[in-house]
Structure formats: structure tokens, C-alpha cells
PDB file of N, CA and C in Angstrom:
ATOM      1  N   MET A   1       0.845  -1.179   0.000  1.00  0.00           N
ATOM      2  CA  MET A   1       0.000   0.000   0.000  1.00  0.00           C
ATOM      3  C   MET A   1       0.888   1.239   0.000  1.00  0.00           C
ATOM      4  N   ALA A   2       0.599   2.150  -0.903  1.00  0.00           N
ATOM      5  CA  ALA A   2       1.393   3.363  -1.016  1.00  0.00           C
ATOM      6  C   ALA A   2       1.059   4.332   0.107  1.00  0.00           C
ATOM      7  N   ARG A   3       2.077   5.017   0.595  1.00  0.00           N
ATOM      8  CA  ARG A   3       1.854   6.008   1.649  1.00  0.00           C
ATOM      9  C   ARG A   3       1.157   7.234   1.076  1.00  0.00           C
ATOM     10  N   LYS A   4       0.257   7.799   1.861  1.00  0.00           N
ATOM     11  CA  LYS A   4      -0.430   9.021   1.486  1.00  0.00           C
ATOM     12  C   LYS A   4      -0.209  10.016   2.612  1.00  0.00           C
ATOM     13  N   LEU A   5       0.375  11.174   2.288  1.00  0.00           N
ATOM     14  CA  LEU A   5       0.732  12.168   3.285  1.00  0.00           C
ATOM     15  C   LEU A   5       0.037  13.495   2.984  1.00  0.00           C
ATOM     16  N   THR A   6      -0.162  14.278   4.023  1.00  0.00           N
ATOM     17  CA  THR A   6      -0.748  15.609   3.879  1.00  0.00           C
ATOM     18  C   THR A   6       0.228  16.620   4.449  1.00  0.00           C
ATOM     19  N   GLY A   7       0.400  17.737   3.734  1.00  0.00           N
ATOM     20  CA  GLY A   7       1.317  18.752   4.207  1.00  0.00           C
ATOM     21  C   GLY A   7       1.102  20.078   3.509  1.00  0.00           C
ATOM     22  N   THR A   8       1.993  21.010   3.785  1.00  0.00           N
ATOM     23  CA  THR A   8       1.911  22.358   3.242  1.00  0.00           C
ATOM     24  C   THR A   8       3.031  22.569   2.226  1.00  0.00           C
ATOM     25  N   VAL A   9       2.693  23.203   1.105  1.00  0.00           N
ATOM     26  CA  VAL A   9       3.691  23.493   0.073  1.00  0.00           C
ATOM     27  C   VAL A   9       4.563  24.649   0.560  1.00  0.00           C
ATOM     28  N   VAL A  10       5.874  24.425   0.626  1.00  0.00           N
ATOM     29  CA  VAL A  10       6.804  25.457   1.069  1.00  0.00           C
ATOM     30  C   VAL A  10       7.636  26.007  -0.079  1.00  0.00           C
ATOM     31  N   SER A  11       7.640  25.330  -1.244  1.00  0.00           N
ATOM     32  CA  SER A  11       8.369  25.825  -2.403  1.00  0.00           C
ATOM     33  C   SER A  11       7.734  25.276  -3.674  1.00  0.00           C
ATOM     34  N   ASP A  12       7.602  26.164  -4.677  1.00  0.00           N
ATOM     35  CA  ASP A  12       7.112  25.726  -5.989  1.00  0.00           C
ATOM     36  C   ASP A  12       7.966  26.323  -7.106  1.00  0.00           C
ATOM     37  N   ILE A  13       9.208  26.662  -6.789  1.00  0.00           N
ATOM     38  CA  ILE A  13      10.094  27.326  -7.733  1.00  0.00           C
ATOM     39  C   ILE A  13      10.503  26.397  -8.877  1.00  0.00           C
ATOM     40  N   GLN A  14      10.782  25.141  -8.577  1.00  0.00           N
ATOM     41  CA  GLN A  14      11.233  24.200  -9.595  1.00  0.00           C
ATOM     42  C   GLN A  14      10.098  23.842 -10.545  1.00  0.00           C
ATOM     43  N   ASP A  15      10.442  23.544 -11.793  1.00  0.00           N
ATOM     44  CA  ASP A  15       9.443  23.175 -12.786  1.00  0.00           C
ATOM     45  C   ASP A  15       8.931  21.766 -12.508  1.00  0.00           C
ATOM     46  N   LYS A  16       7.614  21.621 -12.384  1.00  0.00           N
ATOM     47  CA  LYS A  16       6.926  20.343 -12.158  1.00  0.00           C
ATOM     48  C   LYS A  16       7.325  19.665 -10.848  1.00  0.00           C
ATOM     49  N   THR A  17       7.838  20.447  -9.893  1.00  0.00           N
ATOM     50  CA  THR A  17       8.225  19.899  -8.596  1.00  0.00           C
ATOM     51  C   THR A  17       7.776  20.852  -7.500  1.00  0.00           C
ATOM     52  N   ILE A  18       7.221  20.285  -6.435  1.00  0.00           N
ATOM     53  CA  ILE A  18       6.883  21.070  -5.255  1.00  0.00           C
ATOM     54  C   ILE A  18       7.576  20.446  -4.050  1.00  0.00           C
ATOM     55  N   VAL A  19       7.832  21.255  -3.036  1.00  0.00           N
ATOM     56  CA  VAL A  19       8.395  20.766  -1.784  1.00  0.00           C
ATOM     57  C   VAL A  19       7.290  20.878  -0.742  1.00  0.00           C
ATOM     58  N   VAL A  20       6.955  19.739  -0.121  1.00  0.00           N
ATOM     59  CA  VAL A  20       5.860  19.665   0.836  1.00  0.00           C
ATOM     60  C   VAL A  20       6.428  19.354   2.212  1.00  0.00           C
ATOM     61  N   LYS A  21       6.037  20.163   3.209  1.00  0.00           N
ATOM     62  CA  LYS A  21       6.479  19.928   4.581  1.00  0.00           C
ATOM     63  C   LYS A  21       5.347  19.281   5.364  1.00  0.00           C
ATOM     64  N   THR A  22       5.635  18.123   5.962  1.00  0.00           N
ATOM     65  CA  THR A  22       4.663  17.438   6.806  1.00  0.00           C
ATOM     66  C   THR A  22       5.096  17.599   8.254  1.00  0.00           C
ATOM     67  N   VAL A  23       4.126  17.702   9.145  1.00  0.00           N
ATOM     68  CA  VAL A  23       4.405  17.895  10.571  1.00  0.00           C
ATOM     69  C   VAL A  23       3.664  16.820  11.350  1.00  0.00           C
ATOM     70  N   ARG A  24       4.350  16.213  12.332  1.00  0.00           N
ATOM     71  CA  ARG A  24       3.697  15.219  13.179  1.00  0.00           C
ATOM     72  C   ARG A  24       4.111  15.427  14.623  1.00  0.00           C
ATOM     73  N   ARG A  25       3.263  14.989  15.541  1.00  0.00           N
ATOM     74  CA  ARG A  25       3.527  15.116  16.975  1.00  0.00           C
ATOM     75  C   ARG A  25       4.099  13.792  17.480  1.00  0.00           C
ATOM     76  N   VAL A  26       5.187  13.881  18.248  1.00  0.00           N
ATOM     77  CA  VAL A  26       5.863  12.703  18.773  1.00  0.00           C
ATOM     78  C   VAL A  26       5.996  12.857  20.283  1.00  0.00           C
ATOM     79  N   THR A  27       5.815  11.755  20.988  1.00  0.00           N
ATOM     80  CA  THR A  27       6.008  11.750  22.433  1.00  0.00           C
ATOM     81  C   THR A  27       7.393  11.194  22.745  1.00  0.00           C
ATOM     82  N   HIS A  28       8.148  11.910  23.575  1.00  0.00           N
ATOM     83  CA  HIS A  28       9.480  11.463  23.960  1.00  0.00           C
ATOM     84  C   HIS A  28       9.338  10.187  24.795  1.00  0.00           C
ATOM     85  N   PRO A  29      10.135   9.143  24.502  1.00  0.00           N
ATOM     86  CA  PRO A  29       9.963   7.864  25.192  1.00  0.00           C
ATOM     87  C   PRO A  29      10.251   7.899  26.697  1.00  0.00           C
ATOM     88  N   LEU A  30      11.162   8.747  27.127  1.00  0.00           N
ATOM     89  CA  LEU A  30      11.512   8.795  28.547  1.00  0.00           C
ATOM     90  C   LEU A  30      10.750   9.883  29.297  1.00  0.00           C
ATOM     91  N   TYR A  31      10.711  11.081  28.734  1.00  0.00           N
ATOM     92  CA  TYR A  31      10.153  12.224  29.447  1.00  0.00           C
ATOM     93  C   TYR A  31       8.663  12.451  29.189  1.00  0.00           C
ATOM     94  N   ARG A  32       8.084  11.715  28.252  1.00  0.00           N
ATOM     95  CA  ARG A  32       6.651  11.816  27.940  1.00  0.00           C
ATOM     96  C   ARG A  32       6.216  13.218  27.527  1.00  0.00           C
ATOM     97  N   LYS A  33       7.134  14.001  27.022  1.00  0.00           N
ATOM     98  CA  LYS A  33       6.824  15.342  26.546  1.00  0.00           C
ATOM     99  C   LYS A  33       6.580  15.271  25.042  1.00  0.00           C
ATOM    100  N   GLN A  34       5.535  15.962  24.570  1.00  0.00           N
ATOM    101  CA  GLN A  34       5.251  15.951  23.142  1.00  0.00           C
ATOM    102  C   GLN A  34       5.971  17.100  22.445  1.00  0.00           C
ATOM    103  N   TYR A  35       6.455  16.828  21.241  1.00  0.00           N
ATOM    104  CA  TYR A  35       7.108  17.846  20.438  1.00  0.00           C
ATOM    105  C   TYR A  35       6.793  17.580  18.977  1.00  0.00           C
ATOM    106  N   THR A  36       7.017  18.574  18.113  1.00  0.00           N
ATOM    107  CA  THR A  36       6.692  18.423  16.696  1.00  0.00           C
ATOM    108  C   THR A  36       7.941  18.076  15.906  1.00  0.00           C
ATOM    109  N   VAL A  37       7.745  17.234  14.911  1.00  0.00           N
ATOM    110  CA  VAL A  37       8.808  16.832  14.005  1.00  0.00           C
ATOM    111  C   VAL A  37       8.328  17.126  12.592  1.00  0.00           C
ATOM    112  N   GLY A  38       9.125  17.844  11.831  1.00  0.00           N
ATOM    113  CA  GLY A  38       8.772  18.171  10.459  1.00  0.00           C
ATOM    114  C   GLY A  38       9.721  17.500   9.486  1.00  0.00           C
ATOM    115  N   LYS A  39       9.195  17.162   8.313  1.00  0.00           N
ATOM    116  CA  LYS A  39      10.017  16.568   7.273  1.00  0.00           C
ATOM    117  C   LYS A  39       9.561  17.101   5.931  1.00  0.00           C
ATOM    118  N   LYS A  40      10.503  17.324   5.030  1.00  0.00           N
ATOM    119  CA  LYS A  40      10.170  17.843   3.704  1.00  0.00           C
ATOM    120  C   LYS A  40      10.284  16.730   2.666  1.00  0.00           C
ATOM    121  N   TYR A  41       9.332  16.707   1.749  1.00  0.00           N
ATOM    122  CA  TYR A  41       9.313  15.756   0.642  1.00  0.00           C
ATOM    123  C   TYR A  41       9.202  16.521  -0.662  1.00  0.00           C
ATOM    124  N   GLN A  42       9.921  16.066  -1.682  1.00  0.00           N
ATOM    125  CA  GLN A  42       9.746  16.621  -3.018  1.00  0.00           C
ATOM    126  C   GLN A  42       8.719  15.773  -3.743  1.00  0.00           C
ATOM    127  N   ALA A  43       7.770  16.438  -4.401  1.00  0.00           N
ATOM    128  CA  ALA A  43       6.696  15.734  -5.082  1.00  0.00           C
ATOM    129  C   ALA A  43       6.557  16.244  -6.510  1.00  0.00           C
ATOM    130  N   HIS A  44       6.125  15.362  -7.396  1.00  0.00           N
ATOM    131  CA  HIS A  44       5.930  15.699  -8.808  1.00  0.00           C
ATOM    132  C   HIS A  44       4.575  16.369  -8.984  1.00  0.00           C
ATOM    133  N   ASP A  45       4.580  17.535  -9.626  1.00  0.00           N
ATOM    134  CA  ASP A  45       3.361  18.300  -9.902  1.00  0.00           C
ATOM    135  C   ASP A  45       3.320  18.554 -11.402  1.00  0.00           C
ATOM    136  N   GLU A  46       2.700  17.648 -12.152  1.00  0.00           N
ATOM    137  CA  GLU A  46       2.739  17.666 -13.617  1.00  0.00           C
ATOM    138  C   GLU A  46       2.244  18.976 -14.219  1.00  0.00           C
ATOM    139  N   LYS A  47       1.176  19.549 -13.690  1.00  0.00           N
ATOM    140  CA  LYS A  47       0.567  20.744 -14.286  1.00  0.00           C
ATOM    141  C   LYS A  47       0.934  22.036 -13.568  1.00  0.00           C
ATOM    142  N   ASN A  48       1.866  21.981 -12.640  1.00  0.00           N
ATOM    143  CA  ASN A  48       2.266  23.146 -11.849  1.00  0.00           C
ATOM    144  C   ASN A  48       1.063  23.833 -11.206  1.00  0.00           C
ATOM    145  N   GLU A  49       0.180  23.048 -10.599  1.00  0.00           N
ATOM    146  CA  GLU A  49      -1.055  23.563 -10.007  1.00  0.00           C
ATOM    147  C   GLU A  49      -0.844  24.136  -8.611  1.00  0.00           C
ATOM    148  N   ALA A  50      -0.040  23.494  -7.804  1.00  0.00           N
ATOM    149  CA  ALA A  50       0.109  23.879  -6.400  1.00  0.00           C
ATOM    150  C   ALA A  50       0.949  25.141  -6.263  1.00  0.00           C
ATOM    151  N   GLN A  51       0.595  25.949  -5.256  1.00  0.00           N
ATOM    152  CA  GLN A  51       1.317  27.178  -4.973  1.00  0.00           C
ATOM    153  C   GLN A  51       1.749  27.168  -3.511  1.00  0.00           C
ATOM    154  N   ILE A  52       2.652  28.063  -3.161  1.00  0.00           N
ATOM    155  CA  ILE A  52       3.147  28.144  -1.784  1.00  0.00           C
ATOM    156  C   ILE A  52       1.985  28.430  -0.844  1.00  0.00           C
ATOM    157  N   GLY A  53       1.913  27.676   0.238  1.00  0.00           N
ATOM    158  CA  GLY A  53       0.866  27.865   1.237  1.00  0.00           C
ATOM    159  C   GLY A  53      -0.299  26.909   1.097  1.00  0.00           C
ATOM    160  N   ASP A  54      -0.423  26.224  -0.034  1.00  0.00           N
ATOM    161  CA  ASP A  54      -1.521  25.274  -0.230  1.00  0.00           C
ATOM    162  C   ASP A  54      -1.341  24.061   0.668  1.00  0.00           C
ATOM    163  N   ILE A  55      -2.442  23.525   1.160  1.00  0.00           N
ATOM    164  CA  ILE A  55      -2.414  22.257   1.875  1.00  0.00           C
ATOM    165  C   ILE A  55      -2.753  21.190   0.852  1.00  0.00           C
ATOM    166  N   VAL A  56      -1.840  20.228   0.681  1.00  0.00           N
ATOM    167  CA  VAL A  56      -1.979  19.241  -0.383  1.00  0.00           C
ATOM    168  C   VAL A  56      -1.844  17.819   0.161  1.00  0.00           C
ATOM    169  N   SER A  57      -2.300  16.889  -0.653  1.00  0.00           N
ATOM    170  CA  SER A  57      -2.152  15.469  -0.366  1.00  0.00           C
ATOM    171  C   SER A  57      -1.208  14.892  -1.413  1.00  0.00           C
ATOM    172  N   ILE A  58      -0.191  14.151  -0.962  1.00  0.00           N
ATOM    173  CA  ILE A  58       0.751  13.523  -1.894  1.00  0.00           C
ATOM    174  C   ILE A  58       0.733  12.016  -1.673  1.00  0.00           C
ATOM    175  N   VAL A  59       1.030  11.277  -2.732  1.00  0.00           N
ATOM    176  CA  VAL A  59       1.002   9.822  -2.660  1.00  0.00           C
ATOM    177  C   VAL A  59       2.324   9.268  -3.183  1.00  0.00           C
ATOM    178  N   GLU A  60       2.794   8.191  -2.576  1.00  0.00           N
ATOM    179  CA  GLU A  60       4.069   7.581  -2.944  1.00  0.00           C
ATOM    180  C   GLU A  60       3.937   6.826  -4.261  1.00  0.00           C
ATOM    181  N   VAL A  61       4.923   7.004  -5.137  1.00  0.00           N
ATOM    182  CA  VAL A  61       4.973   6.310  -6.428  1.00  0.00           C
ATOM    183  C   VAL A  61       6.386   5.795  -6.637  1.00  0.00           C
ATOM    184  N   ARG A  62       6.615   5.157  -7.770  1.00  0.00           N
ATOM    185  CA  ARG A  62       7.969   4.705  -8.082  1.00  0.00           C
ATOM    186  C   ARG A  62       8.882   5.917  -8.186  1.00  0.00           C
ATOM    187  N   PRO A  63      10.177   5.767  -7.955  1.00  0.00           N
ATOM    188  CA  PRO A  63      11.079   6.922  -8.002  1.00  0.00           C
ATOM    189  C   PRO A  63      11.053   7.613  -9.371  1.00  0.00           C
ATOM    190  N   ILE A  64      10.848   8.921  -9.340  1.00  0.00           N
ATOM    191  CA  ILE A  64      10.810   9.726 -10.558  1.00  0.00           C
ATOM    192  C   ILE A  64      12.188  10.309 -10.829  1.00  0.00           C
ATOM    193  N   SER A  65      12.903  10.661  -9.773  1.00  0.00           N
ATOM    194  CA  SER A  65      14.267  11.153  -9.885  1.00  0.00           C
ATOM    195  C   SER A  65      15.001  10.789  -8.597  1.00  0.00           C
ATOM    196  N   LYS A  66      16.175  11.341  -8.409  1.00  0.00           N
ATOM    197  CA  LYS A  66      16.969  11.013  -7.226  1.00  0.00           C
ATOM    198  C   LYS A  66      16.221  11.326  -5.932  1.00  0.00           C
ATOM    199  N   ASN A  67      15.523  12.461  -5.889  1.00  0.00           N
ATOM    200  CA  ASN A  67      14.869  12.900  -4.659  1.00  0.00           C
ATOM    201  C   ASN A  67      13.346  12.803  -4.685  1.00  0.00           C
ATOM    202  N   LYS A  68      12.746  12.542  -5.839  1.00  0.00           N
ATOM    203  CA  LYS A  68      11.282  12.546  -5.950  1.00  0.00           C
ATOM    204  C   LYS A  68      10.722  11.130  -5.996  1.00  0.00           C
ATOM    205  N   SER A  69       9.927  10.780  -4.965  1.00  0.00           N
ATOM    206  CA  SER A  69       9.229   9.494  -4.944  1.00  0.00           C
ATOM    207  C   SER A  69       7.755   9.689  -4.599  1.00  0.00           C
ATOM    208  N   PHE A  70       7.277  10.917  -4.699  1.00  0.00           N
ATOM    209  CA  PHE A  70       5.878  11.232  -4.431  1.00  0.00           C
ATOM    210  C   PHE A  70       5.321  12.034  -5.596  1.00  0.00           C
ATOM    211  N   LYS A  71       3.992  11.996  -5.752  1.00  0.00           N
ATOM    212  CA  LYS A  71       3.344  12.860  -6.732  1.00  0.00           C
ATOM    213  C   LYS A  71       2.152  13.529  -6.070  1.00  0.00           C
ATOM    214  N   LEU A  72       1.763  14.665  -6.615  1.00  0.00           N
ATOM    215  CA  LEU A  72       0.633  15.418  -6.094  1.00  0.00           C
ATOM    216  C   LEU A  72      -0.645  14.643  -6.345  1.00  0.00           C
ATOM    217  N   ASP A  73      -1.399  14.397  -5.274  1.00  0.00           N
ATOM    218  CA  ASP A  73      -2.672  13.685  -5.393  1.00  0.00           C
ATOM    219  C   ASP A  73      -3.812  14.675  -5.540  1.00  0.00           C
ATOM    220  N   SER A  74      -3.901  15.630  -4.605  1.00  0.00           N
ATOM    221  CA  SER A  74      -4.955  16.646  -4.692  1.00  0.00           C
ATOM    222  C   SER A  74      -4.582  17.857  -3.850  1.00  0.00           C
ATOM    223  N   ILE A  75      -5.190  18.989  -4.205  1.00  0.00           N
ATOM    224  CA  ILE A  75      -5.043  20.206  -3.420  1.00  0.00           C
ATOM    225  C   ILE A  75      -6.243  20.271  -2.495  1.00  0.00           C
ATOM    226  N   ILE A  76      -5.998  20.217  -1.200  1.00  0.00           N
ATOM    227  CA  ILE A  76      -7.077  20.169  -0.215  1.00  0.00           C
ATOM    228  C   ILE A  76      -7.612  21.561   0.079  1.00  0.00           C
ATOM    229  N   GLU A  77      -6.709  22.524   0.273  1.00  0.00           N
ATOM    230  CA  GLU A  77      -7.145  23.868   0.669  1.00  0.00           C
ATOM    231  C   GLU A  77      -6.154  24.902   0.187  1.00  0.00           C
ATOM    232  N   ARG A  78      -6.678  26.026  -0.281  1.00  0.00           N
ATOM    233  CA  ARG A  78      -5.843  27.164  -0.652  1.00  0.00           C
ATOM    234  C   ARG A  78      -5.891  28.191   0.475  1.00  0.00           C
ATOM    235  N   PRO A  79      -4.812  28.954   0.671  1.00  0.00           N
ATOM    236  CA  PRO A  79      -4.831  29.952   1.743  1.00  0.00           C
ATOM    237  C   PRO A  79      -5.784  31.102   1.419  1.00  0.00           C
ATOM    238  N   GLU A  80      -6.217  31.818   2.452  1.00  0.00           N
ATOM    239  CA  GLU A  80      -7.099  32.968   2.271  1.00  0.00           C
ATOM    240  C   GLU A  80      -6.396  34.032   1.439  1.00  0.00           C
ATOM    241  N   GLY A  81      -7.122  34.630   0.500  1.00  0.00           N
ATOM    242  CA  GLY A  81      -6.582  35.695  -0.321  1.00  0.00           C
ATOM    243  C   GLY A  81      -5.718  35.229  -1.467  1.00  0.00           C
ATOM    244  N   ALA A  82      -5.720  33.921  -1.751  1.00  0.00           N
ATOM    245  CA  ALA A  82      -4.937  33.400  -2.860  1.00  0.00           C
ATOM    246  C   ALA A  82      -5.584  33.831  -4.174  1.00  0.00           C
ATOM    247  N   ALA A  83      -4.787  34.241  -5.113  1.00  0.00           N
ATOM    248  CA  ALA A  83      -5.297  34.711  -6.416  1.00  0.00           C
ATOM    249  C   ALA A  83      -5.819  33.522  -7.215  1.00  0.00           C
ATOM    250  N   GLU A  84      -7.049  33.649  -7.693  1.00  0.00           N
ATOM    251  CA  GLU A  84      -7.631  32.616  -8.548  1.00  0.00           C
ATOM    252  C   GLU A  84      -7.239  32.901  -9.994  1.00  0.00           C
ATOM    253  N   GLU A  85      -6.985  31.861 -10.763  1.00  0.00           N
ATOM    254  CA  GLU A  85      -6.640  32.038 -12.165  1.00  0.00           C
ATOM    255  C   GLU A  85      -7.893  32.384 -12.949  1.00  0.00           C
ATOM    256  N   VAL A  86      -7.777  33.403 -13.799  1.00  0.00           N
ATOM    257  CA  VAL A  86      -8.897  33.820 -14.622  1.00  0.00           C
ATOM    258  C   VAL A  86      -8.681  33.282 -16.015  1.00  0.00           C
ATOM    259  N   VAL A  87      -9.651  32.491 -16.517  1.00  0.00           N
ATOM    260  CA  VAL A  87      -9.566  31.918 -17.851  1.00  0.00           C
ATOM    261  C   VAL A  87     -10.406  32.776 -18.788  1.00  0.00           C
ATOM    262  N   SER A  88      -9.766  33.318 -19.819  1.00  0.00           N
ATOM    263  CA  SER A  88     -10.523  34.182 -20.737  1.00  0.00           C
ATOM    264  C   SER A  88     -10.702  33.544 -22.098  1.00  0.00           C
TER     265      SER A  88
END
């Protein structure tokens, strides 16, 4: 079963590639204190749809390049005040 992750787009500068940061809460094994752990994943975005600040879902696929093993599944939410594309 392929992994499916949710995170925030932190970079969309590269062509057809986005960088997604995922955050999870972890409990320390000895001190029982919770803290956050973040990790960044590069994902393939074929149509360059995602923008910085979007909350997206990515899914694991076969390796596309050295660092890319995920692809964009869907855009869950856009930030407030994000410019909508106007099709004329």
C-alpha cells in the first residue's frame, strides 16, 4: 500500500516539482513530553497547479528522480486571499 501524506507546500520554484512539509507530533519515550517533528518531501506536480501555502495530499509512487518518490494527489485547501486564475 502506497503512503499518502498531507502537508503544506513550502516551495514551488522548480518546474513540475513542489516541496511539501509534513508535521507530526511525537512523544518522547523517557520524558513523555510531546514535540513536533517536520520533514520535507519533493513531489511531482505535472501541471504546476500547487502554490506556496496550499495544503496538499501527496502519494508515494515509483522513483521519478533522485529525490522525488511522491506525486501530487490533490489540493485540499488554498490559503485565504490566494489569487484565482482567470480563464478568458
